[in-house]
Structure formats: structure tokens, C-alpha cells
Protein backbone atom coordinates (compact mmCIF):
# COMPACT_ATOMS: atom_id res chain seq x y z
CA UNK A 1 19.49 183.56 -46.01
CA UNK A 2 16.30 185.02 -47.47
CA UNK A 3 16.95 188.09 -49.63
CA UNK A 4 13.89 190.08 -48.83
CA UNK A 5 11.81 190.64 -45.68
CA UNK A 6 8.38 192.22 -45.59
CA UNK A 7 7.28 194.00 -42.21
CA UNK A 8 3.46 193.95 -41.84
CA UNK A 9 0.83 191.15 -43.31
CA UNK A 10 -2.01 193.52 -43.83
CA UNK A 11 -3.35 194.10 -47.19
CA UNK A 12 -0.32 195.62 -48.32
CA UNK A 13 2.01 192.99 -46.89
CA UNK A 14 -0.11 190.17 -48.15
CA UNK A 15 0.06 191.83 -51.71
CA UNK A 16 3.73 192.32 -51.63
CA UNK A 17 4.35 188.74 -50.64
CA UNK A 18 2.30 187.25 -53.15
CA UNK A 19 4.15 189.23 -55.94
CA UNK A 20 7.61 188.40 -54.51
CA UNK A 21 6.79 184.89 -53.49
CA UNK A 22 9.49 183.67 -56.18
CA UNK A 23 12.11 185.27 -53.74
CA UNK A 24 10.63 183.52 -50.69
CA UNK A 25 10.23 186.45 -48.66
CA UNK A 26 9.83 186.52 -44.88
CA UNK A 27 6.88 188.39 -43.82
CA UNK A 28 7.02 189.67 -40.04
CA UNK A 29 3.69 190.07 -38.49
CA UNK A 30 3.15 191.65 -35.02
CA UNK A 31 -0.17 189.98 -34.41
CA UNK A 32 -1.50 186.58 -34.73
CA UNK A 33 -3.33 187.07 -37.91
CA UNK A 34 -3.32 188.82 -41.36
CA UNK A 35 -5.54 191.56 -42.19
CA UNK A 36 -3.90 194.73 -40.77
CA UNK A 37 -6.41 197.35 -39.64
CA UNK A 38 -9.30 195.13 -40.87
CA UNK A 39 -8.30 193.07 -37.78
CA UNK A 40 -7.06 195.59 -35.11
CA UNK A 41 -8.96 198.63 -36.21
CA UNK A 42 -12.42 197.65 -36.95
CA UNK A 43 -15.80 198.34 -34.81
CA UNK A 44 -18.33 195.52 -34.80
CA UNK A 45 -20.39 197.66 -37.39
CA UNK A 46 -17.43 198.43 -39.68
CA UNK A 47 -17.90 197.89 -43.30
CA UNK A 48 -15.96 198.41 -46.51
CA UNK A 49 -16.98 201.75 -48.17
CA UNK A 50 -16.90 200.15 -51.76
CA UNK A 51 -18.62 197.45 -53.53
CA UNK A 52 -16.75 194.07 -53.58
CA UNK A 53 -15.83 194.23 -57.03
CA UNK A 54 -13.84 197.40 -56.64
CA UNK A 55 -12.09 195.88 -53.66
CA UNK A 56 -10.44 192.75 -54.91
CA UNK A 57 -7.37 191.40 -56.27
CA UNK A 58 -6.74 191.08 -59.95
CA UNK A 59 -6.60 187.41 -60.06
CA UNK A 60 -8.92 186.59 -56.97
CA UNK A 61 -12.53 187.46 -57.21
CA UNK A 62 -15.10 187.56 -54.29
CA UNK A 63 -17.16 184.26 -54.20
CA UNK A 64 -20.26 186.49 -53.80
CA UNK A 65 -18.84 189.33 -56.39
CA UNK A 66 -22.44 190.53 -57.23
CA UNK A 67 -23.82 191.03 -53.70
CA UNK A 68 -24.57 194.85 -53.81
CA UNK A 69 -24.21 195.16 -50.12
CA UNK A 70 -21.00 196.57 -48.73
CA UNK A 71 -19.06 193.54 -46.86
CA UNK A 72 -18.37 193.56 -43.23
CA UNK A 73 -15.09 193.72 -41.83
CA UNK A 74 -15.36 189.90 -40.94
CA UNK A 75 -16.31 189.23 -44.85
CA UNK A 76 -12.96 191.19 -45.87
CA UNK A 77 -10.82 189.25 -43.48
CA UNK A 78 -12.32 186.17 -44.89
CA UNK A 79 -11.59 187.31 -48.37
CA UNK A 80 -7.88 188.10 -47.52
CA UNK A 81 -7.48 184.61 -45.73
CA UNK A 82 -8.97 182.84 -48.87
CA UNK A 83 -6.49 184.90 -51.11
CA UNK A 84 -3.42 184.15 -48.86
CA UNK A 85 -4.33 180.45 -48.73
CA UNK A 86 -5.24 180.27 -52.59
CA UNK A 87 -1.60 181.55 -53.40
CA UNK A 88 0.04 179.74 -50.49
CA UNK A 89 1.25 183.27 -48.99
CA UNK A 90 0.74 182.09 -45.46
CA UNK A 91 3.97 179.91 -45.40
CA UNK A 92 6.08 183.03 -45.70
CA UNK A 93 4.32 184.77 -42.56
CA UNK A 94 5.99 184.75 -38.94
CA UNK A 95 3.24 185.63 -36.65
CA UNK A 96 3.69 187.20 -33.24
CA UNK A 97 6.85 188.65 -34.70
CA UNK A 98 7.15 192.48 -34.09
CA UNK A 99 9.87 194.37 -35.71
CA UNK A 100 11.14 196.93 -33.09
CA UNK A 101 14.29 198.19 -34.90
CA UNK A 102 15.93 198.55 -38.20
CA UNK A 103 19.78 198.87 -38.67
CA UNK A 104 21.68 199.76 -41.78
CA UNK A 105 24.62 197.67 -42.30
CA UNK A 106 25.24 198.22 -46.09
CA UNK A 107 28.19 199.91 -47.38
CA UNK A 108 28.01 203.84 -47.82
CA UNK A 109 27.91 203.23 -51.36
CA UNK A 110 24.81 201.29 -51.15
CA UNK A 111 22.96 204.37 -50.72
CA UNK A 112 23.19 204.92 -54.55
CA UNK A 113 21.51 201.84 -55.21
CA UNK A 114 18.05 203.53 -55.46
CA UNK A 115 19.54 205.95 -58.13
CA UNK A 116 20.24 205.07 -61.77
CA UNK A 117 21.34 201.60 -61.67
CA UNK A 118 22.68 201.55 -65.07
CA UNK A 119 24.85 204.49 -64.10
CA UNK A 120 26.19 202.90 -60.78
CA UNK A 121 26.44 199.43 -62.03
CA UNK A 122 24.66 197.95 -59.14
CA UNK A 123 21.61 195.61 -58.79
CA UNK A 124 18.55 196.39 -56.26
CA UNK A 125 19.64 192.93 -54.49
CA UNK A 126 23.50 193.68 -54.03
CA UNK A 127 24.37 189.97 -52.83
CA UNK A 128 25.06 191.05 -49.46
CA UNK A 129 23.03 192.06 -46.42
CA UNK A 130 22.07 195.91 -46.23
CA UNK A 131 19.67 195.87 -43.40
CA UNK A 132 19.35 194.01 -40.15
CA UNK A 133 16.03 193.89 -38.39
CA UNK A 134 15.31 193.18 -34.53
CA UNK A 135 12.31 191.07 -33.95
CA UNK A 136 10.44 190.57 -30.53
CA UNK A 137 8.64 187.06 -30.68
CA UNK A 138 5.51 186.34 -28.65
CA UNK A 139 6.15 189.64 -26.41
CA UNK A 140 9.46 187.96 -25.30
CA UNK A 141 12.15 190.52 -23.81
CA UNK A 142 14.82 188.71 -26.16
CA UNK A 143 15.40 190.22 -29.40
CA UNK A 144 16.55 188.36 -32.47
CA UNK A 145 18.45 189.87 -35.36
CA UNK A 146 17.89 188.86 -38.82
CA UNK A 147 19.80 190.24 -42.18
CA UNK A 148 18.27 191.01 -45.43
CA UNK A 149 19.22 192.62 -48.75
CA UNK A 150 15.95 194.32 -49.14
CA UNK A 151 13.07 195.53 -46.81
CA UNK A 152 9.40 196.11 -47.90
CA UNK A 153 7.79 198.26 -45.13
CA UNK A 154 4.05 197.62 -45.09
CA UNK A 155 2.99 198.66 -41.54
CA UNK A 156 0.86 201.46 -43.22
CA UNK A 157 -0.28 204.86 -41.81
CA UNK A 158 -3.21 203.62 -39.74
CA UNK A 159 -3.28 201.79 -36.35
CA UNK A 160 -1.08 201.12 -33.57
CA UNK A 161 -0.25 204.68 -32.52
CA UNK A 162 -3.25 206.94 -31.71
CA UNK A 163 -3.03 210.65 -32.67
CA UNK A 164 -4.13 212.36 -29.32
CA UNK A 165 -4.99 216.07 -29.30
CA UNK A 166 -2.77 218.49 -27.22
CA UNK A 167 -4.52 220.53 -24.55
CA UNK A 168 -3.79 223.66 -22.59
CA UNK A 169 -2.07 222.96 -18.98
CA UNK A 170 -4.39 221.64 -16.68
CA UNK A 171 -7.10 221.00 -18.95
CA UNK A 172 -5.92 217.52 -20.43
CA UNK A 173 -7.26 214.04 -19.63
CA UNK A 174 -6.06 214.03 -16.04
CA UNK A 175 -8.71 216.66 -15.25
CA UNK A 176 -11.67 214.47 -16.31
CA UNK A 177 -13.24 212.21 -13.68
CA UNK A 178 -14.71 210.08 -16.59
CA UNK A 179 -13.38 207.43 -18.82
CA UNK A 180 -11.17 208.67 -22.00
CA UNK A 181 -10.08 206.14 -24.71
CA UNK A 182 -9.12 206.23 -28.15
CA UNK A 183 -11.02 204.67 -31.14
CA UNK A 184 -8.13 202.13 -31.37
CA UNK A 185 -8.98 201.00 -27.47
CA UNK A 186 -12.60 200.69 -28.51
CA UNK A 187 -11.89 198.43 -31.60
CA UNK A 188 -10.54 195.94 -29.00
CA UNK A 189 -13.76 195.59 -27.31
CA UNK A 190 -16.07 192.78 -28.22
CA UNK A 191 -19.91 193.53 -29.03
CA UNK A 192 -20.92 192.86 -25.40
CA UNK A 193 -18.03 194.99 -23.73
CA UNK A 194 -18.56 197.82 -26.34
CA UNK A 195 -22.47 197.81 -25.41
CA UNK A 196 -21.57 198.02 -21.73
CA UNK A 197 -19.20 200.97 -22.18
CA UNK A 198 -21.87 202.89 -24.02
CA UNK A 199 -25.27 201.87 -22.58
CA UNK A 200 -26.80 204.61 -20.43
CA UNK A 201 -23.60 206.82 -20.39
CA UNK A 202 -23.25 210.38 -21.53
CA UNK A 203 -20.71 209.72 -24.59
CA UNK A 204 -18.90 212.32 -26.52
CA UNK A 205 -17.24 211.18 -29.85
CA UNK A 206 -14.68 213.62 -31.04
CA UNK A 207 -14.08 213.50 -34.56
CA UNK A 208 -16.12 213.54 -37.94
CA UNK A 209 -14.59 211.17 -40.41
CA UNK A 210 -15.86 207.49 -41.08
CA UNK A 211 -14.59 206.15 -37.72
CA UNK A 212 -16.34 208.87 -35.61
CA UNK A 213 -19.53 208.36 -37.73
CA UNK A 214 -19.75 204.70 -37.24
CA UNK A 215 -18.89 204.94 -33.45
CA UNK A 216 -21.88 207.68 -33.03
CA UNK A 217 -24.36 204.99 -34.70
CA UNK A 218 -23.06 202.28 -32.57
CA UNK A 219 -23.52 204.47 -29.45
CA UNK A 220 -27.13 205.60 -30.55
CA UNK A 221 -27.82 201.92 -30.86
CA UNK A 222 -26.77 200.82 -27.54
CA UNK A 223 -28.76 203.79 -25.91
CA UNK A 224 -32.36 202.85 -27.25
CA UNK A 225 -35.14 203.05 -24.83
CA UNK A 226 -36.20 205.53 -21.95
CA UNK A 227 -32.76 205.02 -19.99
CA UNK A 228 -30.77 205.82 -23.00
CA UNK A 229 -28.46 208.83 -23.47
CA UNK A 230 -27.73 210.96 -26.53
CA UNK A 231 -24.13 210.47 -28.04
CA UNK A 232 -22.77 213.87 -28.90
CA UNK A 233 -20.52 214.16 -31.77
CA UNK A 234 -17.90 217.05 -31.57
CA UNK A 235 -16.91 218.19 -35.18
CA UNK A 236 -14.33 220.58 -36.18
CA UNK A 237 -14.24 220.59 -39.73
CA UNK A 238 -17.18 218.45 -41.35
CA UNK A 239 -16.25 216.54 -44.69
CA UNK A 240 -18.36 215.36 -47.50
CA UNK A 241 -20.51 212.08 -47.05
CA UNK A 242 -22.55 210.20 -49.48
CA UNK A 243 -25.55 207.90 -49.08
CA UNK A 244 -24.46 205.56 -51.99
CA UNK A 245 -22.75 205.61 -55.33
CA UNK A 246 -25.38 207.33 -57.46
CA UNK A 247 -25.78 210.93 -58.15
CA UNK A 248 -29.06 212.24 -59.56
CA UNK A 249 -29.59 208.69 -61.15
CA UNK A 250 -26.05 208.62 -62.61
CA UNK A 251 -23.64 206.14 -61.47
CA UNK A 252 -20.62 207.78 -59.33
CA UNK A 253 -17.88 206.52 -61.41
CA UNK A 254 -18.88 208.54 -64.34
CA UNK A 255 -17.45 211.50 -62.52
CA UNK A 256 -14.10 210.53 -61.25
CA UNK A 257 -13.03 206.95 -62.11
CA UNK A 258 -12.91 207.01 -66.19
CA UNK A 259 -10.13 208.08 -68.28
CA UNK A 260 -12.61 210.58 -69.77
CA UNK A 261 -13.51 212.20 -66.27
CA UNK A 262 -9.98 212.21 -65.06
CA UNK A 263 -9.19 214.19 -68.31
CA UNK A 264 -10.64 217.26 -66.52
CA UNK A 265 -8.15 217.20 -63.67
CA UNK A 266 -4.60 218.42 -63.58
CA UNK A 267 -2.00 215.52 -63.55
CA UNK A 268 1.97 215.49 -63.10
CA UNK A 269 4.02 215.81 -66.39
CA UNK A 270 1.16 217.13 -68.41
CA UNK A 271 2.10 219.14 -71.62
CA UNK A 272 1.52 222.95 -72.02
CA UNK A 273 -1.46 222.49 -74.30
CA UNK A 274 -3.07 220.13 -71.73
CA UNK A 275 -2.48 222.58 -68.82
CA UNK A 276 -4.29 225.18 -71.02
CA UNK A 277 -7.03 222.78 -71.62
CA UNK A 278 -7.24 221.90 -67.91
CA UNK A 279 -7.61 225.57 -67.19
CA UNK A 280 -10.46 226.07 -70.04
CA UNK A 281 -12.32 223.05 -68.56
CA UNK A 282 -12.07 224.13 -64.91
CA UNK A 283 -15.59 225.61 -64.89
CA UNK A 284 -16.62 222.14 -66.13
CA UNK A 285 -14.78 220.62 -63.24
CA UNK A 286 -16.21 222.93 -60.63
CA UNK A 287 -19.60 222.15 -62.00
CA UNK A 288 -19.20 218.46 -61.53
CA UNK A 289 -18.43 219.26 -57.88
CA UNK A 290 -21.37 221.48 -57.55
CA UNK A 291 -23.63 218.91 -59.19
CA UNK A 292 -22.60 216.34 -56.85
CA UNK A 293 -22.93 218.76 -53.89
CA UNK A 294 -26.62 219.69 -54.96
CA UNK A 295 -27.52 216.20 -54.83
CA UNK A 296 -25.92 215.43 -51.14
CA UNK A 297 -27.62 218.37 -49.90
CA UNK A 298 -30.94 217.25 -51.19
CA UNK A 299 -30.63 213.74 -50.19
CA UNK A 300 -29.18 214.28 -46.61
CA UNK A 301 -30.12 216.89 -43.95
CA UNK A 302 -26.41 218.20 -43.76
CA UNK A 303 -27.39 221.75 -43.48
CA UNK A 304 -29.94 221.01 -40.63
CA UNK A 305 -27.38 219.37 -38.46
CA UNK A 306 -24.41 221.66 -39.36
CA UNK A 307 -22.62 219.16 -41.20
CA UNK A 308 -22.46 221.08 -44.62
CA UNK A 309 -18.60 221.30 -45.53
CA UNK A 310 -17.30 224.71 -46.19
CA UNK A 311 -15.01 223.40 -48.89
CA UNK A 312 -16.08 221.86 -52.52
CA UNK A 313 -16.79 218.12 -52.79
CA UNK A 314 -13.81 217.86 -55.13
CA UNK A 315 -11.58 218.48 -52.31
CA UNK A 316 -12.39 215.60 -50.20
CA UNK A 317 -12.57 213.38 -53.08
CA UNK A 318 -9.16 214.48 -54.02
CA UNK A 319 -7.84 213.66 -50.49
CA UNK A 320 -9.67 210.42 -50.03
CA UNK A 321 -11.96 211.56 -47.40
CA UNK A 322 -15.32 211.01 -48.90
CA UNK A 323 -17.24 208.68 -46.52
CA UNK A 324 -20.48 206.56 -46.92
CA UNK A 325 -22.94 207.54 -44.47
CA UNK A 326 -24.54 204.75 -42.46
CA UNK A 327 -28.21 204.55 -43.37
CA UNK A 328 -29.55 205.20 -39.85
CA UNK A 329 -27.10 207.97 -38.90
CA UNK A 330 -29.69 210.76 -39.34
CA UNK A 331 -32.66 208.58 -38.43
CA UNK A 332 -30.91 208.46 -35.05
CA UNK A 333 -30.16 212.16 -35.07
CA UNK A 334 -33.66 212.90 -35.79
CA UNK A 335 -34.82 211.08 -32.60
CA UNK A 336 -32.15 212.96 -30.64
CA UNK A 337 -29.79 210.05 -30.12
CA UNK A 338 -26.98 211.51 -31.94
CA UNK A 339 -26.08 215.26 -31.24
CA UNK A 340 -23.94 217.32 -33.56
CA UNK A 341 -21.70 220.08 -31.80
CA UNK A 342 -19.44 222.17 -33.98
CA UNK A 343 -16.25 223.44 -32.30
CA UNK A 344 -12.81 224.28 -33.32
CA UNK A 345 -11.18 223.98 -29.89
CA UNK A 346 -12.03 221.97 -26.81
CA UNK A 347 -10.51 220.85 -23.65
CA UNK A 348 -11.44 218.67 -20.56
CA UNK A 349 -12.74 219.76 -17.06
CA UNK A 350 -13.78 217.61 -14.21
CA UNK A 351 -17.25 216.46 -15.38
CA UNK A 352 -16.76 216.60 -19.20
CA UNK A 353 -15.35 218.74 -21.92
CA UNK A 354 -15.49 222.71 -22.19
CA UNK A 355 -15.70 224.33 -25.58
CA UNK A 356 -14.16 227.81 -26.85
CA UNK A 357 -17.48 229.33 -26.64
CA UNK A 358 -17.48 229.05 -22.95
CA UNK A 359 -20.15 226.18 -23.03
CA UNK A 360 -19.72 223.07 -21.10
CA UNK A 361 -20.83 219.40 -21.63
CA UNK A 362 -21.06 216.84 -19.09
CA UNK A 363 -19.75 213.43 -20.16
CA UNK A 364 -19.10 210.00 -18.76
CA UNK A 365 -16.99 208.65 -21.64
CA UNK A 366 -15.17 210.43 -24.17
CA UNK A 367 -13.92 208.58 -27.09
CA UNK A 368 -11.14 210.22 -29.47
CA UNK A 369 -11.80 209.29 -33.15
CA UNK A 370 -8.93 211.33 -34.02
CA UNK A 371 -6.72 209.23 -36.30
CA UNK A 372 -3.33 207.87 -36.16
CA UNK A 373 0.13 208.88 -36.23
CA UNK A 374 1.69 206.80 -39.12
CA UNK A 375 4.66 208.85 -39.35
CA UNK A 376 5.66 208.35 -35.72
CA UNK A 377 4.97 204.48 -36.12
CA UNK A 378 7.60 204.60 -39.08
CA UNK A 379 10.08 206.63 -37.31
CA UNK A 380 9.93 204.32 -34.14
CA UNK A 381 11.81 201.39 -36.29
CA UNK A 382 13.98 203.48 -38.63
CA UNK A 383 17.34 204.60 -37.94
CA UNK A 384 19.00 207.81 -38.61
CA UNK A 385 19.86 209.35 -41.08
CA UNK A 386 16.81 207.77 -42.72
CA UNK A 387 14.32 208.55 -40.06
CA UNK A 388 14.85 212.23 -40.78
CA UNK A 389 14.26 211.82 -44.47
CA UNK A 390 10.69 210.72 -43.75
CA UNK A 391 9.75 214.31 -42.97
CA UNK A 392 9.88 216.42 -46.10
CA UNK A 393 9.06 220.13 -46.42
CA UNK A 394 5.54 219.35 -48.22
CA UNK A 395 4.63 217.23 -45.54
CA UNK A 396 4.13 214.15 -47.47
CA UNK A 397 6.71 211.49 -47.30
CA UNK A 398 8.57 211.52 -50.68
CA UNK A 399 8.08 208.21 -52.67
CA UNK A 400 8.60 207.68 -56.35
CA UNK A 401 5.50 205.72 -57.56
CA UNK A 402 4.24 205.83 -54.02
CA UNK A 403 6.78 203.07 -53.37
CA UNK A 404 10.49 204.02 -53.60
CA UNK A 405 12.05 206.87 -51.25
CA UNK A 406 14.94 208.18 -53.32
CA UNK A 407 17.16 208.60 -50.63
CA UNK A 408 16.60 205.21 -48.62
CA UNK A 409 18.49 202.48 -50.09
CA UNK A 410 16.97 198.91 -50.74
CA UNK A 411 13.79 199.73 -49.23
CA UNK A 412 10.22 200.03 -50.52
CA UNK A 413 7.06 201.38 -48.85
CA UNK A 414 3.65 199.90 -49.87
CA UNK A 415 0.30 201.24 -48.49
CA UNK A 416 1.42 204.68 -48.10
CA UNK A 417 -0.54 206.51 -50.73
CA UNK A 418 -4.25 206.31 -50.86
CA UNK A 419 -6.93 206.01 -53.82
CA UNK A 420 -10.33 205.20 -54.09
CA UNK A 421 -9.30 201.48 -53.65
CA UNK A 422 -6.30 201.12 -51.57
CA UNK A 423 -6.12 197.35 -52.21
CA UNK A 424 -5.82 197.99 -55.90
CA UNK A 425 -3.27 200.54 -55.20
CA UNK A 426 -1.18 198.38 -53.03
CA UNK A 427 -1.48 195.45 -55.49
CA UNK A 428 -0.42 197.57 -58.60
CA UNK A 429 2.52 198.80 -56.73
CA UNK A 430 3.61 195.43 -55.55
CA UNK A 431 3.58 194.11 -59.14
CA UNK A 432 5.67 197.04 -60.06
CA UNK A 433 8.05 196.56 -57.14
CA UNK A 434 8.44 192.88 -58.03
CA UNK A 435 9.72 193.53 -61.53
CA UNK A 436 12.04 196.40 -60.23
CA UNK A 437 13.47 193.81 -57.84
CA UNK A 438 13.84 191.53 -60.73
CA UNK A 439 15.56 194.09 -62.77
CA UNK A 440 12.91 194.28 -65.60
CA UNK A 441 13.55 197.87 -65.35
CA UNK A 442 15.70 200.46 -63.72
CA UNK A 443 14.81 203.60 -61.68
CA UNK A 444 15.51 206.93 -62.93
CA UNK A 445 18.25 209.06 -61.16
CA UNK A 446 17.62 210.26 -57.59
CA UNK A 447 17.30 213.77 -59.07
CA UNK A 448 14.71 212.86 -61.48
CA UNK A 449 12.65 210.72 -59.04
CA UNK A 450 12.68 213.73 -56.59
CA UNK A 451 11.59 215.95 -59.39
CA UNK A 452 8.50 213.72 -60.10
CA UNK A 453 7.33 213.42 -56.54
CA UNK A 454 7.68 217.08 -56.46
CA UNK A 455 5.39 217.53 -59.40
CA UNK A 456 2.78 215.13 -57.90
CA UNK A 457 2.83 216.92 -54.52
CA UNK A 458 2.41 220.40 -56.40
CA UNK A 459 -0.75 218.85 -58.14
CA UNK A 460 -2.22 217.37 -55.00
CA UNK A 461 -1.60 220.86 -53.26
CA UNK A 462 -3.34 222.72 -55.87
CA UNK A 463 -6.39 220.36 -55.96
CA UNK A 464 -7.13 220.05 -52.19
CA UNK A 465 -5.99 221.83 -48.99
CA UNK A 466 -5.96 218.22 -47.57
CA UNK A 467 -3.30 217.21 -49.72
CA UNK A 468 -0.94 215.68 -46.88
CA UNK A 469 -3.04 212.62 -46.94
CA UNK A 470 -1.08 211.57 -50.15
CA UNK A 471 -4.06 210.70 -52.29
CA UNK A 472 -3.89 210.23 -56.17
CA UNK A 473 -7.52 209.48 -56.72
CA UNK A 474 -8.00 212.32 -59.40
CA UNK A 475 -5.23 211.23 -61.50
CA UNK A 476 -4.89 207.67 -60.35
CA UNK A 477 -5.26 206.19 -64.03
CA UNK A 478 -2.50 208.53 -64.98
CA UNK A 479 -0.36 207.27 -62.12
CA UNK A 480 -0.91 203.82 -63.13
CA UNK A 481 -0.05 204.43 -66.90
CA UNK A 482 3.44 205.47 -65.99
CA UNK A 483 3.81 202.37 -63.83
CA UNK A 484 2.55 200.14 -66.62
CA UNK A 485 4.93 202.07 -69.18
CA UNK A 486 7.95 201.29 -66.74
CA UNK A 487 6.86 197.73 -66.58
CA UNK A 488 6.85 197.38 -70.37
CA UNK A 489 2.94 197.03 -70.36
CA UNK A 490 0.36 198.55 -72.37
CA UNK A 491 -0.97 201.46 -70.43
CA UNK A 492 -4.45 201.54 -72.22
CA UNK A 493 -5.94 198.30 -70.52
CA UNK A 494 -9.54 198.28 -71.98
CA UNK A 495 -10.77 196.27 -75.16
CA UNK A 496 -12.16 199.28 -77.13
CA UNK A 497 -11.80 202.90 -77.18
CA UNK A 498 -15.42 203.50 -75.99
CA UNK A 499 -14.73 201.38 -72.69
CA UNK A 500 -11.43 202.93 -72.31
CA UNK A 501 -12.79 206.38 -72.18
CA UNK A 502 -16.13 205.84 -70.22
CA UNK A 503 -15.79 202.56 -68.18
CA UNK A 504 -14.14 202.72 -64.76
CA UNK A 505 -10.74 201.41 -63.96
CA UNK A 506 -10.15 198.89 -61.41
CA UNK A 507 -7.96 196.17 -60.26
CA UNK A 508 -9.44 193.72 -62.95
CA UNK A 509 -7.77 195.81 -65.65
CA UNK A 510 -4.30 195.02 -64.37
CA UNK A 511 -3.84 191.42 -64.67
CA UNK A 512 -0.54 189.96 -65.08
CA UNK A 513 1.32 190.39 -68.58
CA UNK A 514 4.45 188.34 -69.49
């Protein structure tokens, strides 16, 4: 019997499988390929929002690492496939195997295993099944149950279950005579089908984040020429976008991705002296945010199109909501092919959508780029009482080191916190998890883990109003330091104090240590 099961073969699942390969894990993947959201939630034009060298595993470089362009989702899938083949990870993956239910079969005292192992005298792998999972293969109606000692959940917060807005009675999708779909449905269309859906149609895209922006550009490109129709973006809360990673001639990483720059920001577990220093340096921190905003307002016509956010740039960076603006977005807006409509509330009527300012807009197609319900996806497979533990007063799932829920035994979650590079975040947590499973270190008590989670949540809450996205970007180096120390690694990873202070941290700084 295999000891460990991994649910999902996206970026996080593949990273976890590689790090836990000495345990011969079984990876259950619902689709017929690896890649996760890069496979199922990508448009034809979807690209990575960072350079190749900032989105690579610590021990596997891109073949064209120095190519300055942002790789397409096809290139990313090729990179992930190459990684999985190079480390022989695919042999662990069972494709077309959807986990539909998880059942707890451990003894009640097993619940204590995620507490202080030394105090309870129990290993992470107890030697007997703790979880049973029901797997549906190739859409068969028959379920097959498998038993494991440890589960690693890597199904992520995005994809699968769309988040659909709620509407007043008699003002929902049933009133609209046109076509309504979510961006996840649009992702399933090939290039020709997508063009046919958009071409010559009055299209409304609801949303303002990266998926909505890219969709609006694809819509504009499909509607070139005299018969083309304008695409309307309905925006409730605009977020900061950047054209590239340079600000007034300076590389962007200098402002947030070095140890020196993150020293300006609050972090969990900081001393009273550091708290005082952080308070004294707060004008400098706000100045950095204003400095970046000044460049973006000069470089992009955000005010002209009503896309200037009401909140500071720092809040978007701290909540991982900063997006790269496609080069031709404002070019298409200048030509009238993309129209921006600001609205806090809207609903459907027979021929389109209506807004809270009593204006109406005709539409043939409405595409909801309104995100995904990752919490609902997770709850759909977890049993009680663990399902209820996913909810937390803060609105964030409580995860120690972004991986272990202190109250859920023998289960880990990889890919549920965000940073500037989610691949790096998932890989480092997979390394940490592998050493935990191998009993190279022990977890703190449940009480201490919950206290640490609470401190991190408070830092995020004070940094950004969008803290529920569970993003650690402003204290990611500090977060990694703590994990390195628990693994017995040196937390300072650079070769000199100068590079330690002023060069950016990334996956290449966290190669394996013995």
C-alpha cells in the first residue's frame, strides 16, 4: 500500500510528487494531463506575468532562460512536462482519476498527530490508514476507494468551480436572451471557436483582473474592421497594472523582492524594536508606493479610462493582485474597441445588462471573469468536521507555513498561499513538507501553530484590505527564512552580504541541502 496520496497534478502537485518521490506517492489527476490551471484555465493569449528565470524550479532551468519575453501558457506546459519527465514524476500520476470524496478512518487520537509529535510520541506516518479517498475513473459511475496514511491536497484555489455573482429576483441570467458564460467555459474553446463567439457581437466582460483584461483584448482583436463591435469591460474595483518590471529606469525587484526592501514592511514575530523601526520607516514605505504610482500614472492612461485605483499600489502588491497590462490594451481602447464602464452593481435585463445608475447596455454575449470558488471546491471533497475547519473568522484558511492545518490530521495543502512566484512558493513548501514527513523536524504544538497563523493573518490584514487572498509577498523572505530554519538550513542563502541585502530572492536560492 502506498503511504501518501497527492490530489492534483498541477504545478503544486508535480512539485510535491518530486519532493516526496522516495515515498512512491500516488498522484490522482482528474484530467488527462498535468499542468492544472495552465491547461484548463488559459486563453489562447494567456502568458506568464513574470520572466522565465523567476518562474522555474530550483533544480531545472528553462532551456531559453534568458529570453526576455513572457512565456505563453503552451511554453509553460512544455516546461512542466519536461520537468516531470526529467525527474520521472509521471510514473506516479494516475490520469482521468477524479477524487470525489475523502473519508477519515483514523483513530480519534490520530487527530493529535499534527500537534507536538514529541509530546504525543506519534510519527506523521502512523503505519496504518488514516484517510480513504473515493476515485472516479474516466467518468465511470463506479467509485474505487483507496486508503492512505497521508494526503497532500493540491487542487488549488482556481479553476473547476466558477464564482457566479448573485442577482436580485427576476434579474438573473434567466432574463437575458443572449449567451452567458464564465471565463472557465471560454477557456475550453479553441482559437477558432473563441473568435466565432466574439466576432461581430456586442460583448460585455465582467471583471477587472488579469483574466478580464486578457479577454477584453482577445475580444477587440476578433472585432477588427467595419463590422466589428466594441467590447465593454464592467469594472467595480480597478487594480493597479504595470506595463513591465521597470519603474523610472529602476528594476522593480529593488522595491519589494530584496531583503533590504522587505525590511521596510511589517512581518510576523518581529521584535518591539523592529516594530518601532517599521513604524518610523512607514513614510518611506508609503513613498515607495507613491513613487511607483507616479510612474504608472505617467506611463499608462489609467485616469483617462477611469482605471486609477482608489487604494495604494502597495495594497495590490501585498495581495498578489498586480497584473501585467497587455501592450495593445490601451491601443484598442483608443480605437474604441474596448470601452470601460465603472459600476458597483449590475444585473440582467432581456437585451443586456442594467446598472445601478439606471443606464442599460445591450449585449449579445456576457462573459463573467469573476474568479473561482476554491473554498467550495475543497469543501466538496472534505468530510465533516474537517470541512467546517476550512472556514475561519479571518476568512483565510489557517495553514501553518502555508501548508499544515493544525486541526486536520495527516493532511497537507500545497498551493493555497500566494506570492510573486507561486511556483517557487509551492516548491519550497514541498521541500519543507518532505522533511516533515521524513521526521527531520517536528511541528510545534497546535496552540503555537494557530498563534503563528494568527500573527501572519494580522500582518496581512494591516497591509491590505484584500488580505483574504492569503498573499505573503511583502514578507515572503521572512516566511522562507522560518521554513529554512525548521529544516535545519541556513536562512541567509546568498554568497555575500551585499547580494544578501540587495539582490532578489527566487527559487534558485533554495537548492537542496543535505
